[in-house]
Every structure is written in structure tokens, then in C-alpha cells.
Amino acid sequence: MAYIITENCVGVKDAACVVVCPVDCIIATDEDDMYFIDPDICIDCGACIPECPVDAIYVVSDMPASLDQWTALNAAYFTSGREAFYGAHGDLIAAAKQKNAGGPHTNPALYQRP
């Protein structure tokens, strides 16, 4: 997996990266609070990085060490069942969502659901 979406996407879920992806590898369900990059589909073109308004997408080799846990989170999204994924990573996602609340790119609809 060469590209990772990190905490700045949580609670924002801006689709600018999705629009420019030539292979539709950036995905999420309506229930997800962020996007994820499918490593089996991604062609490592990098088109998504400059389009992200919150600088949430990194090449793994350029990612700050403080965000390392997002690599495992992104991989688990595609290898775990939904319940197992949120059981293991739900606290990390919830903390990032709380951190991003009220920011200039926050998606209010993501904060209005239970």
C-alpha cells in the first residue's frame, strides 16, 4: 500500500480525491466518516494528494511517524469485517473526528448522525 489516508480526513470526507482518481480506488460507505485507498486497485499515480484540501493523504514513505497507526487502519479496512474493523479502530477514528470537529472543512452531515 503506497498511499494512506490519515486522520485529517475523518469528519471531513471531502470527495475531491475521489473525483480525480483514475481507477476509483478511493472508497467509503455512507456510514464511514472518512475515505480509504484500496491497495489492490491503486496504481500509485499520486493524483489524489494535491487535491486533498486537508492534507490527509500521504505516500507511506513520506508519512510522519506520528501517523503510523493509520497504515494499519487503512489495511484493516480491506482485510477485516466491518464489525472487527470498527472494534479495533473505532476509538482512533472517533478521536480524530472529535479533533477535526468545527474545522473549516468539517462536513456537518457526518456529525449529525448517531
PDB file of N, CA and C in Angstrom:
ATOM      1  N   MET A   1       0.855  -1.177   0.000  1.00  0.00           N
ATOM      2  CA  MET A   1       0.000   0.000   0.000  1.00  0.00           C
ATOM      3  C   MET A   1       0.894   1.230   0.000  1.00  0.00           C
ATOM      4  N   ALA A   2       0.865   1.976  -1.057  1.00  0.00           N
ATOM      5  CA  ALA A   2       1.760   3.116  -1.176  1.00  0.00           C
ATOM      6  C   ALA A   2       1.142   4.423  -0.668  1.00  0.00           C
ATOM      7  N   TYR A   3      -0.170   4.532  -0.681  1.00  0.00           N
ATOM      8  CA  TYR A   3      -0.827   5.761  -0.265  1.00  0.00           C
ATOM      9  C   TYR A   3      -1.777   5.474   0.891  1.00  0.00           C
ATOM     10  N   ILE A   4      -1.790   6.386   1.866  1.00  0.00           N
ATOM     11  CA  ILE A   4      -2.598   6.219   3.068  1.00  0.00           C
ATOM     12  C   ILE A   4      -3.402   7.494   3.312  1.00  0.00           C
ATOM     13  N   ILE A   5      -4.658   7.322   3.663  1.00  0.00           N
ATOM     14  CA  ILE A   5      -5.478   8.452   4.089  1.00  0.00           C
ATOM     15  C   ILE A   5      -5.461   8.449   5.613  1.00  0.00           C
ATOM     16  N   THR A   6      -5.197   9.598   6.190  1.00  0.00           N
ATOM     17  CA  THR A   6      -4.985   9.695   7.633  1.00  0.00           C
ATOM     18  C   THR A   6      -6.068  10.524   8.326  1.00  0.00           C
ATOM     19  N   GLU A   7      -5.811  10.833   9.576  1.00  0.00           N
ATOM     20  CA  GLU A   7      -6.783  11.427  10.485  1.00  0.00           C
ATOM     21  C   GLU A   7      -7.435  12.720  10.010  1.00  0.00           C
ATOM     22  N   ASN A   8      -6.771  13.511   9.207  1.00  0.00           N
ATOM     23  CA  ASN A   8      -7.362  14.784   8.781  1.00  0.00           C
ATOM     24  C   ASN A   8      -8.608  14.601   7.916  1.00  0.00           C
ATOM     25  N   CYS A   9      -8.809  13.412   7.370  1.00  0.00           N
ATOM     26  CA  CYS A   9      -9.989  13.130   6.547  1.00  0.00           C
ATOM     27  C   CYS A   9     -11.220  12.839   7.394  1.00  0.00           C
ATOM     28  N   VAL A  10     -11.016  12.367   8.617  1.00  0.00           N
ATOM     29  CA  VAL A  10     -12.131  11.931   9.464  1.00  0.00           C
ATOM     30  C   VAL A  10     -13.013  13.125   9.825  1.00  0.00           C
ATOM     31  N   GLY A  11     -14.291  12.982   9.529  1.00  0.00           N
ATOM     32  CA  GLY A  11     -15.231  14.065   9.798  1.00  0.00           C
ATOM     33  C   GLY A  11     -15.271  15.117   8.712  1.00  0.00           C
ATOM     34  N   VAL A  12     -14.430  14.965   7.709  1.00  0.00           N
ATOM     35  CA  VAL A  12     -14.383  15.881   6.574  1.00  0.00           C
ATOM     36  C   VAL A  12     -14.939  15.167   5.345  1.00  0.00           C
ATOM     37  N   LYS A  13     -14.289  14.081   4.975  1.00  0.00           N
ATOM     38  CA  LYS A  13     -14.731  13.216   3.873  1.00  0.00           C
ATOM     39  C   LYS A  13     -15.045  14.022   2.612  1.00  0.00           C
ATOM     40  N   ASP A  14     -14.106  14.875   2.239  1.00  0.00           N
ATOM     41  CA  ASP A  14     -14.220  15.667   1.021  1.00  0.00           C
ATOM     42  C   ASP A  14     -13.913  14.753  -0.157  1.00  0.00           C
ATOM     43  N   ALA A  15     -14.705  14.784  -1.175  1.00  0.00           N
ATOM     44  CA  ALA A  15     -14.558  13.850  -2.294  1.00  0.00           C
ATOM     45  C   ALA A  15     -13.660  14.351  -3.416  1.00  0.00           C
ATOM     46  N   ALA A  16     -12.901  15.399  -3.207  1.00  0.00           N
ATOM     47  CA  ALA A  16     -12.033  15.913  -4.268  1.00  0.00           C
ATOM     48  C   ALA A  16     -11.043  14.846  -4.732  1.00  0.00           C
ATOM     49  N   CYS A  17     -10.540  14.045  -3.812  1.00  0.00           N
ATOM     50  CA  CYS A  17      -9.599  12.978  -4.169  1.00  0.00           C
ATOM     51  C   CYS A  17     -10.282  11.889  -4.984  1.00  0.00           C
ATOM     52  N   VAL A  18     -11.527  11.605  -4.662  1.00  0.00           N
ATOM     53  CA  VAL A  18     -12.283  10.565  -5.358  1.00  0.00           C
ATOM     54  C   VAL A  18     -12.491  10.957  -6.816  1.00  0.00           C
ATOM     55  N   VAL A  19     -12.796  12.208  -7.034  1.00  0.00           N
ATOM     56  CA  VAL A  19     -13.091  12.711  -8.375  1.00  0.00           C
ATOM     57  C   VAL A  19     -11.898  12.554  -9.316  1.00  0.00           C
ATOM     58  N   VAL A  20     -10.686  12.765  -8.821  1.00  0.00           N
ATOM     59  CA  VAL A  20      -9.512  12.728  -9.692  1.00  0.00           C
ATOM     60  C   VAL A  20      -8.885  11.346  -9.827  1.00  0.00           C
ATOM     61  N   CYS A  21      -9.307  10.391  -9.025  1.00  0.00           N
ATOM     62  CA  CYS A  21      -8.710   9.058  -9.082  1.00  0.00           C
ATOM     63  C   CYS A  21      -9.084   8.353 -10.387  1.00  0.00           C
ATOM     64  N   PRO A  22      -8.090   7.981 -11.188  1.00  0.00           N
ATOM     65  CA  PRO A  22      -8.393   7.373 -12.480  1.00  0.00           C
ATOM     66  C   PRO A  22      -8.865   5.923 -12.393  1.00  0.00           C
ATOM     67  N   VAL A  23      -8.705   5.291 -11.235  1.00  0.00           N
ATOM     68  CA  VAL A  23      -9.084   3.873 -11.120  1.00  0.00           C
ATOM     69  C   VAL A  23     -10.127   3.619 -10.023  1.00  0.00           C
ATOM     70  N   ASP A  24     -10.699   4.656  -9.487  1.00  0.00           N
ATOM     71  CA  ASP A  24     -11.733   4.527  -8.452  1.00  0.00           C
ATOM     72  C   ASP A  24     -11.313   3.659  -7.277  1.00  0.00           C
ATOM     73  N   CYS A  25     -10.108   3.910  -6.754  1.00  0.00           N
ATOM     74  CA  CYS A  25      -9.607   3.122  -5.631  1.00  0.00           C
ATOM     75  C   CYS A  25      -9.890   3.757  -4.280  1.00  0.00           C
ATOM     76  N   ILE A  26     -10.414   4.969  -4.259  1.00  0.00           N
ATOM     77  CA  ILE A  26     -10.704   5.663  -3.007  1.00  0.00           C
ATOM     78  C   ILE A  26     -12.181   5.445  -2.697  1.00  0.00           C
ATOM     79  N   ILE A  27     -12.427   4.732  -1.595  1.00  0.00           N
ATOM     80  CA  ILE A  27     -13.790   4.309  -1.330  1.00  0.00           C
ATOM     81  C   ILE A  27     -14.193   4.551   0.124  1.00  0.00           C
ATOM     82  N   ALA A  28     -15.480   4.469   0.354  1.00  0.00           N
ATOM     83  CA  ALA A  28     -16.076   4.508   1.690  1.00  0.00           C
ATOM     84  C   ALA A  28     -17.548   4.174   1.531  1.00  0.00           C
ATOM     85  N   THR A  29     -18.130   3.701   2.594  1.00  0.00           N
ATOM     86  CA  THR A  29     -19.579   3.527   2.611  1.00  0.00           C
ATOM     87  C   THR A  29     -20.185   4.825   3.151  1.00  0.00           C
ATOM     88  N   ASP A  30     -21.478   4.961   3.046  1.00  0.00           N
ATOM     89  CA  ASP A  30     -22.143   6.150   3.591  1.00  0.00           C
ATOM     90  C   ASP A  30     -21.944   6.239   5.099  1.00  0.00           C
ATOM     91  N   GLU A  31     -21.790   5.098   5.760  1.00  0.00           N
ATOM     92  CA  GLU A  31     -21.633   5.074   7.215  1.00  0.00           C
ATOM     93  C   GLU A  31     -20.222   5.441   7.670  1.00  0.00           C
ATOM     94  N   ASP A  32     -19.247   5.393   6.788  1.00  0.00           N
ATOM     95  CA  ASP A  32     -17.862   5.716   7.148  1.00  0.00           C
ATOM     96  C   ASP A  32     -17.681   7.223   7.274  1.00  0.00           C
ATOM     97  N   ASP A  33     -16.811   7.625   8.190  1.00  0.00           N
ATOM     98  CA  ASP A  33     -16.524   9.047   8.411  1.00  0.00           C
ATOM     99  C   ASP A  33     -15.295   9.527   7.643  1.00  0.00           C
ATOM    100  N   MET A  34     -14.710   8.661   6.826  1.00  0.00           N
ATOM    101  CA  MET A  34     -13.517   9.004   6.051  1.00  0.00           C
ATOM    102  C   MET A  34     -13.444   8.109   4.824  1.00  0.00           C
ATOM    103  N   TYR A  35     -12.503   8.417   3.953  1.00  0.00           N
ATOM    104  CA  TYR A  35     -12.235   7.578   2.786  1.00  0.00           C
ATOM    105  C   TYR A  35     -11.035   6.679   3.053  1.00  0.00           C
ATOM    106  N   PHE A  36     -10.938   5.627   2.256  1.00  0.00           N
ATOM    107  CA  PHE A  36      -9.840   4.662   2.337  1.00  0.00           C
ATOM    108  C   PHE A  36      -9.361   4.363   0.924  1.00  0.00           C
ATOM    109  N   ILE A  37      -8.052   4.100   0.781  1.00  0.00           N
ATOM    110  CA  ILE A  37      -7.482   3.774  -0.522  1.00  0.00           C
ATOM    111  C   ILE A  37      -7.280   2.265  -0.604  1.00  0.00           C
ATOM    112  N   ASP A  38      -7.917   1.641  -1.581  1.00  0.00           N
ATOM    113  CA  ASP A  38      -7.797   0.198  -1.772  1.00  0.00           C
ATOM    114  C   ASP A  38      -6.443  -0.101  -2.414  1.00  0.00           C
ATOM    115  N   PRO A  39      -5.556  -0.777  -1.679  1.00  0.00           N
ATOM    116  CA  PRO A  39      -4.208  -1.024  -2.196  1.00  0.00           C
ATOM    117  C   PRO A  39      -4.166  -1.973  -3.387  1.00  0.00           C
ATOM    118  N   ASP A  40      -5.215  -2.773  -3.559  1.00  0.00           N
ATOM    119  CA  ASP A  40      -5.251  -3.699  -4.692  1.00  0.00           C
ATOM    120  C   ASP A  40      -5.673  -3.019  -5.983  1.00  0.00           C
ATOM    121  N   ILE A  41      -6.243  -1.847  -5.887  1.00  0.00           N
ATOM    122  CA  ILE A  41      -6.700  -1.119  -7.069  1.00  0.00           C
ATOM    123  C   ILE A  41      -5.796   0.071  -7.384  1.00  0.00           C
ATOM    124  N   CYS A  42      -5.250   0.702  -6.360  1.00  0.00           N
ATOM    125  CA  CYS A  42      -4.428   1.899  -6.538  1.00  0.00           C
ATOM    126  C   CYS A  42      -3.248   1.630  -7.472  1.00  0.00           C
ATOM    127  N   ILE A  43      -3.016   2.564  -8.384  1.00  0.00           N
ATOM    128  CA  ILE A  43      -1.897   2.439  -9.325  1.00  0.00           C
ATOM    129  C   ILE A  43      -0.749   3.388  -8.965  1.00  0.00           C
ATOM    130  N   ASP A  44      -0.804   3.957  -7.778  1.00  0.00           N
ATOM    131  CA  ASP A  44       0.256   4.826  -7.270  1.00  0.00           C
ATOM    132  C   ASP A  44       0.529   6.038  -8.162  1.00  0.00           C
ATOM    133  N   CYS A  45      -0.519   6.611  -8.709  1.00  0.00           N
ATOM    134  CA  CYS A  45      -0.334   7.766  -9.594  1.00  0.00           C
ATOM    135  C   CYS A  45      -0.131   9.065  -8.826  1.00  0.00           C
ATOM    136  N   GLY A  46      -0.657   9.141  -7.607  1.00  0.00           N
ATOM    137  CA  GLY A  46      -0.489  10.336  -6.792  1.00  0.00           C
ATOM    138  C   GLY A  46      -1.429  11.482  -7.110  1.00  0.00           C
ATOM    139  N   ALA A  47      -2.391  11.279  -7.990  1.00  0.00           N
ATOM    140  CA  ALA A  47      -3.308  12.366  -8.365  1.00  0.00           C
ATOM    141  C   ALA A  47      -4.123  12.868  -7.176  1.00  0.00           C
ATOM    142  N   CYS A  48      -4.350  12.026  -6.204  1.00  0.00           N
ATOM    143  CA  CYS A  48      -5.187  12.382  -5.061  1.00  0.00           C
ATOM    144  C   CYS A  48      -4.509  13.348  -4.085  1.00  0.00           C
ATOM    145  N   ILE A  49      -3.211  13.274  -3.969  1.00  0.00           N
ATOM    146  CA  ILE A  49      -2.506  14.053  -2.938  1.00  0.00           C
ATOM    147  C   ILE A  49      -2.721  15.562  -3.072  1.00  0.00           C
ATOM    148  N   PRO A  50      -2.478  16.161  -4.220  1.00  0.00           N
ATOM    149  CA  PRO A  50      -2.664  17.619  -4.285  1.00  0.00           C
ATOM    150  C   PRO A  50      -4.129  18.058  -4.205  1.00  0.00           C
ATOM    151  N   GLU A  51      -5.057  17.145  -4.438  1.00  0.00           N
ATOM    152  CA  GLU A  51      -6.474  17.502  -4.410  1.00  0.00           C
ATOM    153  C   GLU A  51      -7.068  17.508  -3.013  1.00  0.00           C
ATOM    154  N   CYS A  52      -6.436  16.865  -2.062  1.00  0.00           N
ATOM    155  CA  CYS A  52      -6.972  16.768  -0.709  1.00  0.00           C
ATOM    156  C   CYS A  52      -6.871  18.129  -0.018  1.00  0.00           C
ATOM    157  N   PRO A  53      -8.013  18.724   0.356  1.00  0.00           N
ATOM    158  CA  PRO A  53      -7.983  20.057   0.954  1.00  0.00           C
ATOM    159  C   PRO A  53      -7.459  20.083   2.395  1.00  0.00           C
ATOM    160  N   VAL A  54      -7.315  18.901   3.011  1.00  0.00           N
ATOM    161  CA  VAL A  54      -6.872  18.852   4.409  1.00  0.00           C
ATOM    162  C   VAL A  54      -5.555  18.104   4.575  1.00  0.00           C
ATOM    163  N   ASP A  55      -4.860  17.870   3.489  1.00  0.00           N
ATOM    164  CA  ASP A  55      -3.554  17.191   3.523  1.00  0.00           C
ATOM    165  C   ASP A  55      -3.601  15.886   4.320  1.00  0.00           C
ATOM    166  N   ALA A  56      -4.574  15.048   4.000  1.00  0.00           N
ATOM    167  CA  ALA A  56      -4.754  13.787   4.719  1.00  0.00           C
ATOM    168  C   ALA A  56      -4.094  12.599   4.025  1.00  0.00           C
ATOM    169  N   ILE A  57      -3.635  12.766   2.798  1.00  0.00           N
ATOM    170  CA  ILE A  57      -3.111  11.635   2.022  1.00  0.00           C
ATOM    171  C   ILE A  57      -1.594  11.719   1.938  1.00  0.00           C
ATOM    172  N   TYR A  58      -0.967  10.589   2.254  1.00  0.00           N
ATOM    173  CA  TYR A  58       0.495  10.508   2.244  1.00  0.00           C
ATOM    174  C   TYR A  58       0.967   9.290   1.471  1.00  0.00           C
ATOM    175  N   VAL A  59       2.135   9.426   0.879  1.00  0.00           N
ATOM    176  CA  VAL A  59       2.886   8.258   0.436  1.00  0.00           C
ATOM    177  C   VAL A  59       3.455   7.673   1.724  1.00  0.00           C
ATOM    178  N   VAL A  60       3.370   6.376   1.899  1.00  0.00           N
ATOM    179  CA  VAL A  60       3.803   5.761   3.153  1.00  0.00           C
ATOM    180  C   VAL A  60       5.211   6.190   3.538  1.00  0.00           C
ATOM    181  N   SER A  61       6.106   6.250   2.592  1.00  0.00           N
ATOM    182  CA  SER A  61       7.496   6.606   2.900  1.00  0.00           C
ATOM    183  C   SER A  61       7.663   8.059   3.352  1.00  0.00           C
ATOM    184  N   ASP A  62       6.680   8.917   3.086  1.00  0.00           N
ATOM    185  CA  ASP A  62       6.743  10.327   3.476  1.00  0.00           C
ATOM    186  C   ASP A  62       5.860  10.671   4.668  1.00  0.00           C
ATOM    187  N   MET A  63       5.188   9.688   5.211  1.00  0.00           N
ATOM    188  CA  MET A  63       4.241   9.936   6.286  1.00  0.00           C
ATOM    189  C   MET A  63       4.961  10.178   7.608  1.00  0.00           C
ATOM    190  N   PRO A  64       4.541  11.197   8.363  1.00  0.00           N
ATOM    191  CA  PRO A  64       5.149  11.426   9.674  1.00  0.00           C
ATOM    192  C   PRO A  64       4.955  10.207  10.585  1.00  0.00           C
ATOM    193  N   ALA A  65       5.925   9.927  11.402  1.00  0.00           N
ATOM    194  CA  ALA A  65       5.868   8.778  12.312  1.00  0.00           C
ATOM    195  C   ALA A  65       4.651   8.848  13.225  1.00  0.00           C
ATOM    196  N   SER A  66       4.211  10.042  13.558  1.00  0.00           N
ATOM    197  CA  SER A  66       3.050  10.193  14.438  1.00  0.00           C
ATOM    198  C   SER A  66       1.760   9.655  13.824  1.00  0.00           C
ATOM    199  N   LEU A  67       1.772   9.402  12.513  1.00  0.00           N
ATOM    200  CA  LEU A  67       0.587   8.897  11.823  1.00  0.00           C
ATOM    201  C   LEU A  67       0.712   7.423  11.428  1.00  0.00           C
ATOM    202  N   ASP A  68       1.745   6.752  11.892  1.00  0.00           N
ATOM    203  CA  ASP A  68       1.987   5.354  11.505  1.00  0.00           C
ATOM    204  C   ASP A  68       0.789   4.437  11.731  1.00  0.00           C
ATOM    205  N   GLN A  69       0.026   4.681  12.782  1.00  0.00           N
ATOM    206  CA  GLN A  69      -1.109   3.801  13.084  1.00  0.00           C
ATOM    207  C   GLN A  69      -2.178   3.815  11.993  1.00  0.00           C
ATOM    208  N   TRP A  70      -2.181   4.843  11.150  1.00  0.00           N
ATOM    209  CA  TRP A  70      -3.156   4.920  10.071  1.00  0.00           C
ATOM    210  C   TRP A  70      -2.844   3.944   8.944  1.00  0.00           C
ATOM    211  N   THR A  71      -1.606   3.508   8.846  1.00  0.00           N
ATOM    212  CA  THR A  71      -1.254   2.499   7.844  1.00  0.00           C
ATOM    213  C   THR A  71      -1.981   1.196   8.158  1.00  0.00           C
ATOM    214  N   ALA A  72      -1.908   0.758   9.406  1.00  0.00           N
ATOM    215  CA  ALA A  72      -2.594  -0.463   9.821  1.00  0.00           C
ATOM    216  C   ALA A  72      -4.104  -0.309   9.703  1.00  0.00           C
ATOM    217  N   LEU A  73      -4.607   0.862  10.049  1.00  0.00           N
ATOM    218  CA  LEU A  73      -6.036   1.112   9.956  1.00  0.00           C
ATOM    219  C   LEU A  73      -6.520   0.972   8.519  1.00  0.00           C
ATOM    220  N   ASN A  74      -5.804   1.598   7.579  1.00  0.00           N
ATOM    221  CA  ASN A  74      -6.210   1.507   6.174  1.00  0.00           C
ATOM    222  C   ASN A  74      -6.151   0.072   5.663  1.00  0.00           C
ATOM    223  N   ALA A  75      -5.120  -0.663   6.023  1.00  0.00           N
ATOM    224  CA  ALA A  75      -5.005  -2.067   5.596  1.00  0.00           C
ATOM    225  C   ALA A  75      -6.144  -2.893   6.176  1.00  0.00           C
ATOM    226  N   ALA A  76      -6.465  -2.668   7.443  1.00  0.00           N
ATOM    227  CA  ALA A  76      -7.515  -3.439   8.112  1.00  0.00           C
ATOM    228  C   ALA A  76      -8.894  -3.197   7.497  1.00  0.00           C
ATOM    229  N   TYR A  77      -9.109  -2.016   6.965  1.00  0.00           N
ATOM    230  CA  TYR A  77     -10.407  -1.718   6.354  1.00  0.00           C
ATOM    231  C   TYR A  77     -10.719  -2.709   5.233  1.00  0.00           C
ATOM    232  N   PHE A  78      -9.683  -3.144   4.532  1.00  0.00           N
ATOM    233  CA  PHE A  78      -9.879  -4.041   3.387  1.00  0.00           C
ATOM    234  C   PHE A  78      -9.683  -5.518   3.727  1.00  0.00           C
ATOM    235  N   THR A  79      -9.248  -5.817   4.942  1.00  0.00           N
ATOM    236  CA  THR A  79      -8.985  -7.214   5.307  1.00  0.00           C
ATOM    237  C   THR A  79      -9.835  -7.705   6.469  1.00  0.00           C
ATOM    238  N   SER A  80     -10.563  -6.807   7.122  1.00  0.00           N
ATOM    239  CA  SER A  80     -11.395  -7.169   8.275  1.00  0.00           C
ATOM    240  C   SER A  80     -12.861  -6.975   7.927  1.00  0.00           C
ATOM    241  N   GLY A  81     -13.702  -7.668   8.638  1.00  0.00           N
ATOM    242  CA  GLY A  81     -15.127  -7.377   8.536  1.00  0.00           C
ATOM    243  C   GLY A  81     -15.403  -6.036   9.182  1.00  0.00           C
ATOM    244  N   ARG A  82     -16.515  -5.444   8.850  1.00  0.00           N
ATOM    245  CA  ARG A  82     -16.858  -4.114   9.355  1.00  0.00           C
ATOM    246  C   ARG A  82     -16.860  -4.057  10.881  1.00  0.00           C
ATOM    247  N   GLU A  83     -17.482  -5.040  11.516  1.00  0.00           N
ATOM    248  CA  GLU A  83     -17.560  -5.054  12.976  1.00  0.00           C
ATOM    249  C   GLU A  83     -16.167  -5.170  13.599  1.00  0.00           C
ATOM    250  N   ALA A  84     -15.347  -6.059  13.057  1.00  0.00           N
ATOM    251  CA  ALA A  84     -13.981  -6.229  13.575  1.00  0.00           C
ATOM    252  C   ALA A  84     -13.152  -4.965  13.340  1.00  0.00           C
ATOM    253  N   PHE A  85     -13.311  -4.361  12.187  1.00  0.00           N
ATOM    254  CA  PHE A  85     -12.567  -3.143  11.875  1.00  0.00           C
ATOM    255  C   PHE A  85     -12.894  -2.036  12.874  1.00  0.00           C
ATOM    256  N   TYR A  86     -14.174  -1.759  13.059  1.00  0.00           N
ATOM    257  CA  TYR A  86     -14.551  -0.683  13.979  1.00  0.00           C
ATOM    258  C   TYR A  86     -14.306  -1.063  15.433  1.00  0.00           C
ATOM    259  N   GLY A  87     -14.334  -2.338  15.743  1.00  0.00           N
ATOM    260  CA  GLY A  87     -13.977  -2.767  17.089  1.00  0.00           C
ATOM    261  C   GLY A  87     -12.518  -2.477  17.400  1.00  0.00           C
ATOM    262  N   ALA A  88     -11.661  -2.671  16.422  1.00  0.00           N
ATOM    263  CA  ALA A  88     -10.221  -2.451  16.605  1.00  0.00           C
ATOM    264  C   ALA A  88      -9.799  -0.999  16.420  1.00  0.00           C
ATOM    265  N   HIS A  89     -10.471  -0.272  15.554  1.00  0.00           N
ATOM    266  CA  HIS A  89     -10.015   1.072  15.177  1.00  0.00           C
ATOM    267  C   HIS A  89     -11.025   2.188  15.438  1.00  0.00           C
ATOM    268  N   GLY A  90     -12.176   1.842  15.971  1.00  0.00           N
ATOM    269  CA  GLY A  90     -13.220   2.838  16.200  1.00  0.00           C
ATOM    270  C   GLY A  90     -12.800   3.973  17.117  1.00  0.00           C
ATOM    271  N   ASP A  91     -12.001   3.660  18.153  1.00  0.00           N
ATOM    272  CA  ASP A  91     -11.564   4.712  19.073  1.00  0.00           C
ATOM    273  C   ASP A  91     -10.641   5.712  18.389  1.00  0.00           C
ATOM    274  N   LEU A  92      -9.755   5.228  17.531  1.00  0.00           N
ATOM    275  CA  LEU A  92      -8.844   6.107  16.801  1.00  0.00           C
ATOM    276  C   LEU A  92      -9.630   7.022  15.858  1.00  0.00           C
ATOM    277  N   ILE A  93     -10.597   6.456  15.168  1.00  0.00           N
ATOM    278  CA  ILE A  93     -11.424   7.243  14.252  1.00  0.00           C
ATOM    279  C   ILE A  93     -12.257   8.261  15.027  1.00  0.00           C
ATOM    280  N   ALA A  94     -12.840   7.841  16.143  1.00  0.00           N
ATOM    281  CA  ALA A  94     -13.651   8.757  16.955  1.00  0.00           C
ATOM    282  C   ALA A  94     -12.811   9.917  17.495  1.00  0.00           C
ATOM    283  N   ALA A  95     -11.596   9.634  17.920  1.00  0.00           N
ATOM    284  CA  ALA A  95     -10.714  10.695  18.431  1.00  0.00           C
ATOM    285  C   ALA A  95     -10.351  11.684  17.329  1.00  0.00           C
ATOM    286  N   ALA A  96     -10.088  11.187  16.130  1.00  0.00           N
ATOM    287  CA  ALA A  96      -9.767  12.069  15.010  1.00  0.00           C
ATOM    288  C   ALA A  96     -10.983  12.908  14.615  1.00  0.00           C
ATOM    289  N   LYS A  97     -12.144  12.298  14.656  1.00  0.00           N
ATOM    290  CA  LYS A  97     -13.363  13.033  14.317  1.00  0.00           C
ATOM    291  C   LYS A  97     -13.593  14.163  15.322  1.00  0.00           C
ATOM    292  N   GLN A  98     -13.376  13.874  16.575  1.00  0.00           N
ATOM    293  CA  GLN A  98     -13.532  14.896  17.613  1.00  0.00           C
ATOM    294  C   GLN A  98     -12.512  16.021  17.403  1.00  0.00           C
ATOM    295  N   LYS A  99     -11.278  15.654  17.091  1.00  0.00           N
ATOM    296  CA  LYS A  99     -10.210  16.633  16.854  1.00  0.00           C
ATOM    297  C   LYS A  99     -10.558  17.554  15.679  1.00  0.00           C
ATOM    298  N   ASN A 100     -11.194  17.007  14.653  1.00  0.00           N
ATOM    299  CA  ASN A 100     -11.491  17.762  13.445  1.00  0.00           C
ATOM    300  C   ASN A 100     -12.825  18.513  13.508  1.00  0.00           C
ATOM    301  N   ALA A 101     -13.601  18.291  14.543  1.00  0.00           N
ATOM    302  CA  ALA A 101     -14.913  18.943  14.669  1.00  0.00           C
ATOM    303  C   ALA A 101     -14.764  20.462  14.651  1.00  0.00           C
ATOM    304  N   GLY A 102     -15.611  21.095  13.875  1.00  0.00           N
ATOM    305  CA  GLY A 102     -15.610  22.556  13.826  1.00  0.00           C
ATOM    306  C   GLY A 102     -14.545  23.172  12.949  1.00  0.00           C
ATOM    307  N   GLY A 103     -13.758  22.347  12.282  1.00  0.00           N
ATOM    308  CA  GLY A 103     -12.725  22.869  11.391  1.00  0.00           C
ATOM    309  C   GLY A 103     -13.330  23.455  10.130  1.00  0.00           C
ATOM    310  N   PRO A 104     -12.537  24.174   9.359  1.00  0.00           N
ATOM    311  CA  PRO A 104     -13.077  24.840   8.169  1.00  0.00           C
ATOM    312  C   PRO A 104     -13.567  23.880   7.080  1.00  0.00           C
ATOM    313  N   HIS A 105     -13.103  22.637   7.107  1.00  0.00           N
ATOM    314  CA  HIS A 105     -13.521  21.667   6.090  1.00  0.00           C
ATOM    315  C   HIS A 105     -14.446  20.593   6.647  1.00  0.00           C
ATOM    316  N   THR A 106     -14.845  20.739   7.905  1.00  0.00           N
ATOM    317  CA  THR A 106     -15.711  19.746   8.534  1.00  0.00           C
ATOM    318  C   THR A 106     -17.006  19.583   7.746  1.00  0.00           C
ATOM    319  N   ASN A 107     -17.434  18.339   7.599  1.00  0.00           N
ATOM    320  CA  ASN A 107     -18.687  18.020   6.923  1.00  0.00           C
ATOM    321  C   ASN A 107     -19.774  17.888   7.999  1.00  0.00           C
ATOM    322  N   PRO A 108     -20.623  18.879   8.171  1.00  0.00           N
ATOM    323  CA  PRO A 108     -21.614  18.858   9.249  1.00  0.00           C
ATOM    324  C   PRO A 108     -22.513  17.617   9.228  1.00  0.00           C
ATOM    325  N   ALA A 109     -22.811  17.088   8.068  1.00  0.00           N
ATOM    326  CA  ALA A 109     -23.677  15.907   7.970  1.00  0.00           C
ATOM    327  C   ALA A 109     -23.080  14.704   8.700  1.00  0.00           C
ATOM    328  N   LEU A 110     -21.768  14.618   8.753  1.00  0.00           N
ATOM    329  CA  LEU A 110     -21.116  13.495   9.426  1.00  0.00           C
ATOM    330  C   LEU A 110     -21.215  13.606  10.939  1.00  0.00           C
ATOM    331  N   TYR A 111     -21.524  14.775  11.443  1.00  0.00           N
ATOM    332  CA  TYR A 111     -21.621  14.995  12.875  1.00  0.00           C
ATOM    333  C   TYR A 111     -23.075  14.975  13.362  1.00  0.00           C
ATOM    334  N   GLN A 112     -24.022  14.902  12.454  1.00  0.00           N
ATOM    335  CA  GLN A 112     -25.427  14.923  12.815  1.00  0.00           C
ATOM    336  C   GLN A 112     -26.038  13.532  12.935  1.00  0.00           C
ATOM    337  N   ARG A 113     -25.290  12.523  12.632  1.00  0.00           N
ATOM    338  CA  ARG A 113     -25.837  11.164  12.716  1.00  0.00           C
ATOM    339  C   ARG A 113     -25.393  10.512  14.023  1.00  0.00           C
ATOM    340  N   PRO A 114     -26.160   9.506  14.441  1.00  0.00           N
ATOM    341  CA  PRO A 114     -25.830   8.860  15.729  1.00  0.00           C
ATOM    342  C   PRO A 114     -24.505   8.138  15.714  1.00  0.00           C
TER     343      PRO A 114
END
